[in-house]
Structure formats: C-alpha cells, structure tokens
Amino acid sequence: MNNKVRLAEPIFLSIQDEGLRQGKRALFIRFFGCNLSCEICDTKYSWKKIDEIVETNFINIIDEIKRTKAELIVFTGGEPLLKNNLKVISEILLLFMFSDKVFEIETNGTLDIPYDYLKKKPIGLFGVTNIWFNISPKGNIKQENKKTDTKLYLLQQLKDYDFKRYIVKFLLNDKRDFDYIDNVVLKYNIPLHKVYIQPIGINKEEILQKIKVNFNEIINRGYNISFRLHRLLFNNKKGV
C-alpha cells in the first residue's frame, strides 16, 4: 500500500471523552479529510486547513500502536471512512485483529464499507471482533455544503449485516433536535442502550448547561449522556 498517510495532527495519547468508553485512556489517530462540512464542527482543521496536514507513513502508525500501553485505539477525523483513510485502517485492523487492543472508528455514518473490504482475506472487516463504530449523525446540524447527502448508509449496512458493535452519538443543541434523534432511532431500530446524547459546545459552562436543561428529556427517552470530558477539562485545546 502507499506508504504516505495524511493526518490532521500528530498521534497523541489522551482519554476517550465521549460515548461508551468515556474516561478510558486511548491513543488517537486523527485522519485528514471529511465528506461533510458542518458549521459547528470543532475540528475544522481536520478537513479545512491543508497547511496543517501531518504526513507520516504506515510503519510509523503501526509502531505507535505497538508502543502504546493504552488498550483503546481511536480512529477519528475528519472522516475515517473516506476511501484513502479506510484503506489504512483496514490494514491496521487486520494486523491487530488478534491483539488485546480495542479499536473505535468515529464516523458520521454517511459512508458505508465497500464490499471489497467485507470479503477481504483472511477475514472481512465486519469479522474483526475488536472493532467498534462510534456513529455521530449530523442530519440535524446545519451544513455549509447543502448538497451533502446525510443519509446514514453505514447504520443501514450494520443493520443488514446484524453487526452489533456500535453506538450512535447524537449532537444536541436544544429540544428541537429530539425529533430528528427519535426518528433516526426508530427508522434504524437502534437499541436505546446504544444511543448517546452529546451537547454541542466547546467550553464547560455551555456543555453542562445543555445537559442540565435537557437532562429529563434524555433520561425519560431511555438515552445515555456523552459528557465530552475533554472539553470539560481543556475546552477546545488540541493534542491533549
């Protein structure tokens, strides 16, 4: 495979601040590029600032994963499921499929996995047992590119293949977002224990206020809360 890999920032060790494993120590690999262009994106540098691209190579990434003592490896972005990024991720997962590492792929869910990756030898991607998908739909979020297709092809694919290692993390600004969230949960028959609600915001005060205001709505619907621990600790600081 092509040895060059484009990242949005150097690989770094931190904690997973969102979703199922929030608080867990993790190694983050942030890929460059995204098929969406959300106005509220708090990592626009991962798809917008070409001059900040970090060029590394495949072997360096493998060495970082081998070297870290963290059990959790997070592929994020940008959008990890873009063609060039997925190619790298697929090769990494096949190399570590029998390791004690757990891999999370953070994705907006609008791109599915090409069939070639599902039947790839020695095992298809959905056959790798130590990967999870953290899907964060953006259909209720204003897009700069109005032509972007925000259909959740990955969620439909996971449903079709009966793949259960995923969570769905919805962004919440105010109570009006619950209509979109409830409709997606119903359409894709998402088990409630897999649904996380994450407030939009980059500072502690804004995040906590939105959780407090919407707390009863979230709990009464049977959903979980994603607290954004990194933002509570460091606001929007990069690389920590």
Protein backbone atom coordinates (compact mmCIF):
# COMPACT_ATOMS: atom_id res chain seq x y z
CA MET A 1 0.00 0.00 0.00
CA ASN A 2 1.01 3.67 -0.38
CA ASN A 3 3.35 4.41 2.50
CA LYS A 4 2.20 8.02 2.93
CA VAL A 5 -0.68 8.74 5.32
CA ARG A 6 -2.26 12.16 5.84
CA LEU A 7 -3.20 13.00 9.42
CA ALA A 8 -4.74 16.20 10.78
CA GLU A 9 -2.37 16.27 13.77
CA PRO A 10 0.34 14.09 15.34
CA ILE A 11 -0.81 10.87 17.01
CA PHE A 12 -1.43 11.55 20.70
CA LEU A 13 -2.35 9.83 23.96
CA SER A 14 -5.36 11.11 25.90
CA ILE A 15 -8.71 9.83 27.20
CA GLN A 16 -11.80 8.93 25.23
CA ASP A 17 -14.10 11.78 26.24
CA GLU A 18 -17.26 10.55 24.52
CA GLY A 19 -19.63 7.62 24.31
CA LEU A 20 -19.36 4.07 25.63
CA ARG A 21 -15.75 4.25 26.83
CA GLN A 22 -15.57 7.84 28.07
CA GLY A 23 -12.75 8.23 30.59
CA LYS A 24 -10.74 5.34 29.08
CA ARG A 25 -7.11 6.04 28.20
CA ALA A 26 -6.71 5.99 24.42
CA LEU A 27 -4.33 6.59 21.54
CA PHE A 28 -5.87 8.94 18.97
CA ILE A 29 -5.17 8.82 15.25
CA ARG A 30 -6.93 11.75 13.55
CA PHE A 31 -7.19 11.38 9.77
CA PHE A 32 -7.42 14.35 7.44
CA GLY A 33 -10.43 14.96 5.20
CA CYS A 34 -14.22 14.80 5.55
CA ASN A 35 -17.16 14.42 3.20
CA LEU A 36 -19.23 16.84 5.32
CA SER A 37 -18.64 20.48 6.17
CA CYS A 38 -20.62 21.20 9.34
CA GLU A 39 -20.68 24.79 10.55
CA ILE A 40 -20.48 23.66 14.18
CA CYS A 41 -17.52 21.30 13.67
CA ASP A 42 -14.97 21.81 16.45
CA THR A 43 -12.16 20.13 14.50
CA LYS A 44 -12.37 22.02 11.20
CA TYR A 45 -8.59 21.84 10.94
CA SER A 46 -9.05 18.11 10.24
CA TRP A 47 -10.62 18.84 6.84
CA LYS A 48 -10.17 22.52 6.11
CA LYS A 49 -6.61 23.57 6.91
CA ILE A 50 -4.45 21.98 4.24
CA ASP A 51 -1.32 23.65 5.60
CA GLU A 52 -1.69 21.72 8.89
CA ILE A 53 -1.59 18.25 7.35
CA VAL A 54 0.83 15.89 9.10
CA GLU A 55 2.37 13.45 6.64
CA THR A 56 3.53 10.21 8.19
CA ASN A 57 3.81 6.65 6.94
CA PHE A 58 2.08 3.37 7.63
CA ILE A 59 5.00 1.83 9.53
CA ASN A 60 5.16 4.80 11.93
CA ILE A 61 1.49 4.36 12.80
CA ILE A 62 1.98 0.63 13.41
CA ASP A 63 4.97 1.37 15.66
CA GLU A 64 2.93 3.90 17.67
CA ILE A 65 0.16 1.34 18.23
CA LYS A 66 2.65 -1.35 19.25
CA ARG A 67 4.46 1.03 21.58
CA THR A 68 1.47 2.43 23.46
CA LYS A 69 0.26 0.81 26.67
CA ALA A 70 -3.24 2.10 26.03
CA GLU A 71 -5.72 -0.68 25.23
CA LEU A 72 -8.00 1.64 23.24
CA ILE A 73 -7.08 3.00 19.79
CA VAL A 74 -9.40 5.63 18.32
CA PHE A 75 -9.55 6.41 14.60
CA THR A 76 -11.14 9.82 14.24
CA GLY A 77 -11.12 12.80 11.90
CA GLY A 78 -12.30 14.33 9.75
CA GLU A 79 -13.90 11.16 8.44
CA PRO A 80 -12.00 7.87 8.85
CA LEU A 81 -14.18 6.05 6.30
CA LEU A 82 -13.05 8.14 3.35
CA LYS A 83 -11.50 5.80 0.78
CA ASN A 84 -7.82 6.56 1.46
CA ASN A 85 -8.31 6.55 5.24
CA LEU A 86 -10.29 3.30 5.23
CA LYS A 87 -7.56 1.58 3.27
CA VAL A 88 -5.05 2.39 6.02
CA ILE A 89 -7.46 1.47 8.81
CA SER A 90 -8.32 -1.86 7.19
CA GLU A 91 -4.65 -2.86 7.00
CA ILE A 92 -4.10 -1.86 10.65
CA LEU A 93 -7.12 -3.81 11.86
CA LEU A 94 -6.04 -6.97 10.06
CA LEU A 95 -2.59 -6.71 11.65
CA PHE A 96 -4.03 -6.30 15.16
CA MET A 97 -7.14 -8.48 14.90
CA PHE A 98 -5.78 -10.96 17.45
CA SER A 99 -4.27 -8.38 19.82
CA ASP A 100 -5.65 -7.14 23.13
CA LYS A 101 -6.30 -3.71 21.61
CA VAL A 102 -9.80 -2.36 21.07
CA PHE A 103 -10.31 -0.09 18.05
CA GLU A 104 -13.01 2.54 17.74
CA ILE A 105 -13.86 4.19 14.42
CA GLU A 106 -15.55 7.57 14.89
CA THR A 107 -17.65 8.31 11.81
CA ASN A 108 -20.56 10.47 10.69
CA GLY A 109 -22.21 7.33 9.29
CA THR A 110 -22.91 8.64 5.78
CA LEU A 111 -20.37 6.33 4.10
CA ASP A 112 -20.77 2.57 4.04
CA ILE A 113 -18.00 -0.04 3.90
CA PRO A 114 -17.24 -1.11 0.29
CA TYR A 115 -17.95 -4.77 -0.36
CA ASP A 116 -14.29 -5.45 -1.18
CA TYR A 117 -13.43 -4.74 2.47
CA LEU A 118 -16.16 -7.05 3.72
CA LYS A 119 -14.85 -10.08 1.82
CA LYS A 120 -11.14 -9.26 2.14
CA LYS A 121 -8.90 -12.21 3.04
CA PRO A 122 -8.10 -13.59 5.57
CA ILE A 123 -11.24 -12.04 7.06
CA GLY A 124 -13.70 -9.30 6.16
CA LEU A 125 -13.78 -6.10 8.16
CA PHE A 126 -17.05 -7.00 9.90
CA GLY A 127 -15.43 -10.23 11.01
CA VAL A 128 -12.80 -8.41 13.07
CA THR A 129 -14.03 -8.78 16.64
CA ASN A 130 -12.10 -5.96 18.33
CA ILE A 131 -13.55 -3.02 16.38
CA TRP A 132 -16.42 -0.70 17.31
CA PHE A 133 -18.13 2.01 15.31
CA ASN A 134 -18.98 5.27 17.04
CA ILE A 135 -21.51 6.82 14.67
CA SER A 136 -22.34 10.51 15.04
CA PRO A 137 -25.17 11.53 12.66
CA LYS A 138 -25.18 15.18 11.57
CA GLY A 139 -28.56 15.35 9.83
CA ASN A 140 -29.90 17.84 12.36
CA ILE A 141 -26.82 20.07 12.06
CA LYS A 142 -26.59 22.89 9.53
CA GLN A 143 -24.22 22.09 6.67
CA GLU A 144 -22.11 24.60 4.77
CA ASN A 145 -22.42 22.36 1.70
CA LYS A 146 -26.16 22.00 1.19
CA LYS A 147 -25.66 19.29 -1.48
CA THR A 148 -24.13 16.86 1.00
CA ASP A 149 -26.02 13.59 1.32
CA THR A 150 -26.53 12.86 5.01
CA LYS A 151 -28.32 9.52 4.65
CA LEU A 152 -26.93 7.07 7.19
CA TYR A 153 -25.71 4.33 4.86
CA LEU A 154 -23.42 2.81 7.49
CA LEU A 155 -26.24 2.37 10.01
CA GLN A 156 -28.31 0.59 7.38
CA GLN A 157 -25.36 -1.61 6.47
CA LEU A 158 -24.69 -2.56 10.09
CA LYS A 159 -28.36 -3.41 10.45
CA ASP A 160 -28.32 -5.53 7.27
CA TYR A 161 -25.24 -7.46 8.45
CA ASP A 162 -26.50 -7.73 12.04
CA PHE A 163 -23.28 -6.10 13.25
CA LYS A 164 -23.82 -5.11 16.90
CA ARG A 165 -20.55 -3.47 17.97
CA TYR A 166 -21.54 0.15 17.57
CA ILE A 167 -23.05 3.11 19.36
CA VAL A 168 -24.84 6.14 17.93
CA LYS A 169 -23.91 9.53 19.37
CA PHE A 170 -26.28 12.38 18.50
CA LEU A 171 -25.36 16.04 18.81
CA LEU A 172 -27.87 18.15 20.74
CA ASN A 173 -28.29 21.91 20.70
CA ASP A 174 -31.81 22.23 22.08
CA LYS A 175 -35.07 20.29 22.49
CA ARG A 176 -35.95 20.65 18.81
CA ASP A 177 -33.20 18.12 18.00
CA PHE A 178 -35.09 15.32 19.73
CA ASP A 179 -37.49 14.97 16.77
CA TYR A 180 -34.57 14.09 14.48
CA ILE A 181 -32.98 11.82 17.07
CA ASP A 182 -36.20 9.92 17.80
CA ASN A 183 -36.89 9.44 14.08
CA VAL A 184 -33.41 8.01 13.38
CA VAL A 185 -33.62 5.67 16.38
CA LEU A 186 -37.00 4.41 15.16
CA LYS A 187 -36.01 4.12 11.48
CA TYR A 188 -32.91 2.02 12.13
CA ASN A 189 -34.32 0.21 15.16
CA ILE A 190 -31.38 1.29 17.32
CA PRO A 191 -31.44 -0.27 20.82
CA LEU A 192 -31.76 2.50 23.39
CA HIS A 193 -28.67 1.40 25.30
CA LYS A 194 -26.63 2.22 22.19
CA VAL A 195 -27.89 5.82 21.97
CA TYR A 196 -25.83 8.66 23.46
CA ILE A 197 -26.78 12.33 23.53
CA GLN A 198 -23.89 14.77 23.35
CA PRO A 199 -24.34 18.54 23.88
CA ILE A 200 -22.87 20.92 21.31
CA GLY A 201 -20.28 23.23 22.89
CA ILE A 202 -16.58 23.81 23.35
CA ASN A 203 -16.48 25.07 26.93
CA LYS A 204 -17.51 23.58 30.27
CA GLU A 205 -20.26 26.04 31.07
CA GLU A 206 -22.10 25.61 27.76
CA ILE A 207 -21.87 21.81 27.84
CA LEU A 208 -23.05 21.42 31.43
CA GLN A 209 -25.90 23.88 30.94
CA LYS A 210 -27.25 21.96 27.93
CA ILE A 211 -27.04 18.69 29.86
CA LYS A 212 -28.94 20.19 32.81
CA VAL A 213 -31.65 21.79 30.67
CA ASN A 214 -32.24 18.59 28.68
CA PHE A 215 -31.49 16.03 31.39
CA ASN A 216 -35.07 14.82 31.95
CA GLU A 217 -35.78 14.64 28.20
CA ILE A 218 -32.70 12.47 27.66
CA ILE A 219 -33.33 10.13 30.59
CA ASN A 220 -37.08 9.76 30.02
CA ARG A 221 -36.45 8.73 26.42
CA GLY A 222 -34.11 5.98 27.63
CA TYR A 223 -30.96 7.54 26.14
CA ASN A 224 -27.47 7.90 27.61
CA ILE A 225 -25.40 11.07 28.05
CA SER A 226 -22.00 11.66 26.49
CA PHE A 227 -20.32 14.27 28.68
CA ARG A 228 -17.44 15.40 26.42
CA LEU A 229 -14.87 15.02 29.20
CA HIS A 230 -12.03 16.51 27.17
CA ARG A 231 -13.98 19.75 26.69
CA LEU A 232 -14.86 19.87 30.39
CA LEU A 233 -11.16 19.65 31.24
CA PHE A 234 -9.42 21.56 28.45
CA ASN A 235 -12.11 23.42 26.45
CA ASN A 236 -11.03 23.09 22.79
CA LYS A 237 -7.29 22.56 23.24
CA LYS A 238 -5.68 20.21 20.69
CA GLY A 239 -3.43 17.21 21.33
CA VAL A 240 -4.22 16.50 25.00
